[in-house]
Amino acid sequence: ESIPVYSMQFLLYWLRWCYHSIRKNRWLSVRLVSL
């Protein structure tokens, strides 16, 4: 069963958003690590 293309694109978009958000918010990444 192959993964649909749109779900792959959505996953990439979500990962990119998380990456930029964490880079933008250093304190957030620190809090995530401390949890």
PDB file of N, CA and C in Angstrom:
ATOM      1  N   GLU A   1       0.854  -1.197   0.000  1.00  0.00           N
ATOM      2  CA  GLU A   1       0.000   0.000   0.000  1.00  0.00           C
ATOM      3  C   GLU A   1       0.892   1.250   0.000  1.00  0.00           C
ATOM      4  N   SER A   2       0.790   2.021  -1.048  1.00  0.00           N
ATOM      5  CA  SER A   2       1.641   3.205  -1.176  1.00  0.00           C
ATOM      6  C   SER A   2       1.044   4.418  -0.468  1.00  0.00           C
ATOM      7  N   ILE A   3       1.922   5.276  -0.004  1.00  0.00           N
ATOM      8  CA  ILE A   3       1.478   6.493   0.681  1.00  0.00           C
ATOM      9  C   ILE A   3       1.100   7.539  -0.362  1.00  0.00           C
ATOM     10  N   PRO A   4      -0.067   8.166  -0.197  1.00  0.00           N
ATOM     11  CA  PRO A   4      -0.484   9.197  -1.158  1.00  0.00           C
ATOM     12  C   PRO A   4       0.498  10.368  -1.176  1.00  0.00           C
ATOM     13  N   VAL A   5       0.621  10.991  -2.341  1.00  0.00           N
ATOM     14  CA  VAL A   5       1.570  12.091  -2.509  1.00  0.00           C
ATOM     15  C   VAL A   5       1.199  13.273  -1.624  1.00  0.00           C
ATOM     16  N   TYR A   6      -0.091  13.554  -1.516  1.00  0.00           N
ATOM     17  CA  TYR A   6      -0.502  14.727  -0.741  1.00  0.00           C
ATOM     18  C   TYR A   6      -0.152  14.583   0.736  1.00  0.00           C
ATOM     19  N   SER A   7      -0.183  13.358   1.254  1.00  0.00           N
ATOM     20  CA  SER A   7       0.171  13.157   2.662  1.00  0.00           C
ATOM     21  C   SER A   7       1.677  13.360   2.864  1.00  0.00           C
ATOM     22  N   MET A   8       2.464  12.982   1.860  1.00  0.00           N
ATOM     23  CA  MET A   8       3.907  13.204   1.932  1.00  0.00           C
ATOM     24  C   MET A   8       4.218  14.695   1.923  1.00  0.00           C
ATOM     25  N   GLN A   9       3.532  15.431   1.066  1.00  0.00           N
ATOM     26  CA  GLN A   9       3.729  16.876   0.983  1.00  0.00           C
ATOM     27  C   GLN A   9       3.303  17.545   2.278  1.00  0.00           C
ATOM     28  N   PHE A  10       2.202  17.065   2.850  1.00  0.00           N
ATOM     29  CA  PHE A  10       1.717  17.620   4.111  1.00  0.00           C
ATOM     30  C   PHE A  10       2.730  17.374   5.222  1.00  0.00           C
ATOM     31  N   LEU A  11       3.301  16.171   5.243  1.00  0.00           N
ATOM     32  CA  LEU A  11       4.296  15.822   6.251  1.00  0.00           C
ATOM     33  C   LEU A  11       5.530  16.710   6.126  1.00  0.00           C
ATOM     34  N   LEU A  12       5.996  16.907   4.897  1.00  0.00           N
ATOM     35  CA  LEU A  12       7.153  17.765   4.668  1.00  0.00           C
ATOM     36  C   LEU A  12       6.866  19.194   5.096  1.00  0.00           C
ATOM     37  N   TYR A  13       5.678  19.676   4.792  1.00  0.00           N
ATOM     38  CA  TYR A  13       5.280  21.032   5.168  1.00  0.00           C
ATOM     39  C   TYR A  13       5.249  21.179   6.683  1.00  0.00           C
ATOM     40  N   TRP A  14       4.697  20.169   7.352  1.00  0.00           N
ATOM     41  CA  TRP A  14       4.591  20.187   8.813  1.00  0.00           C
ATOM     42  C   TRP A  14       5.971  20.160   9.467  1.00  0.00           C
ATOM     43  N   LEU A  15       6.855  19.311   8.945  1.00  0.00           N
ATOM     44  CA  LEU A  15       8.215  19.227   9.482  1.00  0.00           C
ATOM     45  C   LEU A  15       8.956  20.544   9.303  1.00  0.00           C
ATOM     46  N   ARG A  16       8.785  21.174   8.135  1.00  0.00           N
ATOM     47  CA  ARG A  16       9.432  22.450   7.858  1.00  0.00           C
ATOM     48  C   ARG A  16       8.914  23.531   8.801  1.00  0.00           C
ATOM     49  N   TRP A  17       7.595  23.506   9.033  1.00  0.00           N
ATOM     50  CA  TRP A  17       6.988  24.495   9.937  1.00  0.00           C
ATOM     51  C   TRP A  17       7.534  24.316  11.352  1.00  0.00           C
ATOM     52  N   CYS A  18       7.620  23.070  11.805  1.00  0.00           N
ATOM     53  CA  CYS A  18       8.145  22.790  13.148  1.00  0.00           C
ATOM     54  C   CYS A  18       9.602  23.234  13.263  1.00  0.00           C
ATOM     55  N   TYR A  19      10.373  22.940  12.237  1.00  0.00           N
ATOM     56  CA  TYR A  19      11.789  23.303  12.234  1.00  0.00           C
ATOM     57  C   TYR A  19      11.974  24.808  12.362  1.00  0.00           C
ATOM     58  N   HIS A  20      11.247  25.572  11.551  1.00  0.00           N
ATOM     59  CA  HIS A  20      11.366  27.028  11.590  1.00  0.00           C
ATOM     60  C   HIS A  20      10.836  27.594  12.897  1.00  0.00           C
ATOM     61  N   SER A  21       9.789  27.004  13.405  1.00  0.00           N
ATOM     62  CA  SER A  21       9.212  27.486  14.666  1.00  0.00           C
ATOM     63  C   SER A  21      10.188  27.284  15.823  1.00  0.00           C
ATOM     64  N   ILE A  22      10.830  26.125  15.851  1.00  0.00           N
ATOM     65  CA  ILE A  22      11.791  25.831  16.915  1.00  0.00           C
ATOM     66  C   ILE A  22      13.017  26.735  16.794  1.00  0.00           C
ATOM     67  N   ARG A  23      13.461  26.969  15.566  1.00  0.00           N
ATOM     68  CA  ARG A  23      14.606  27.860  15.380  1.00  0.00           C
ATOM     69  C   ARG A  23      14.251  29.279  15.802  1.00  0.00           C
ATOM     70  N   LYS A  24      13.029  29.680  15.521  1.00  0.00           N
ATOM     71  CA  LYS A  24      12.583  31.021  15.865  1.00  0.00           C
ATOM     72  C   LYS A  24      12.423  31.168  17.378  1.00  0.00           C
ATOM     73  N   ASN A  25      11.928  30.108  17.994  1.00  0.00           N
ATOM     74  CA  ASN A  25      11.665  30.152  19.434  1.00  0.00           C
ATOM     75  C   ASN A  25      12.645  29.258  20.184  1.00  0.00           C
ATOM     76  N   ARG A  26      13.773  29.815  20.534  1.00  0.00           N
ATOM     77  CA  ARG A  26      14.799  29.050  21.238  1.00  0.00           C
ATOM     78  C   ARG A  26      14.287  28.558  22.585  1.00  0.00           C
ATOM     79  N   TRP A  27      13.553  29.401  23.277  1.00  0.00           N
ATOM     80  CA  TRP A  27      13.049  29.026  24.605  1.00  0.00           C
ATOM     81  C   TRP A  27      12.079  27.853  24.506  1.00  0.00           C
ATOM     82  N   LEU A  28      11.350  27.798  23.392  1.00  0.00           N
ATOM     83  CA  LEU A  28      10.409  26.696  23.206  1.00  0.00           C
ATOM     84  C   LEU A  28      11.164  25.372  23.054  1.00  0.00           C
ATOM     85  N   SER A  29      12.229  25.382  22.279  1.00  0.00           N
ATOM     86  CA  SER A  29      13.013  24.162  22.087  1.00  0.00           C
ATOM     87  C   SER A  29      13.650  23.719  23.403  1.00  0.00           C
ATOM     88  N   VAL A  30      14.073  24.690  24.206  1.00  0.00           N
ATOM     89  CA  VAL A  30      14.660  24.360  25.505  1.00  0.00           C
ATOM     90  C   VAL A  30      13.613  23.725  26.409  1.00  0.00           C
ATOM     91  N   ARG A  31      12.407  24.272  26.375  1.00  0.00           N
ATOM     92  CA  ARG A  31      11.337  23.722  27.202  1.00  0.00           C
ATOM     93  C   ARG A  31      10.958  22.317  26.741  1.00  0.00           C
ATOM     94  N   LEU A  32      10.957  22.103  25.436  1.00  0.00           N
ATOM     95  CA  LEU A  32      10.629  20.776  24.914  1.00  0.00           C
ATOM     96  C   LEU A  32      11.669  19.755  25.361  1.00  0.00           C
ATOM     97  N   VAL A  33      12.923  20.162  25.371  1.00  0.00           N
ATOM     98  CA  VAL A  33      13.994  19.252  25.787  1.00  0.00           C
ATOM     99  C   VAL A  33      13.887  18.949  27.275  1.00  0.00           C
ATOM    100  N   SER A  34      13.537  19.963  28.056  1.00  0.00           N
ATOM    101  CA  SER A  34      13.468  19.781  29.507  1.00  0.00           C
ATOM    102  C   SER A  34      12.277  18.927  29.942  1.00  0.00           C
ATOM    103  N   LEU A  35      11.274  18.817  29.072  1.00  0.00           N
ATOM    104  CA  LEU A  35      10.095  18.038  29.453  1.00  0.00           C
ATOM    105  C   LEU A  35      10.420  16.573  29.528  1.00  0.00           C
TER     106      LEU A  35
END
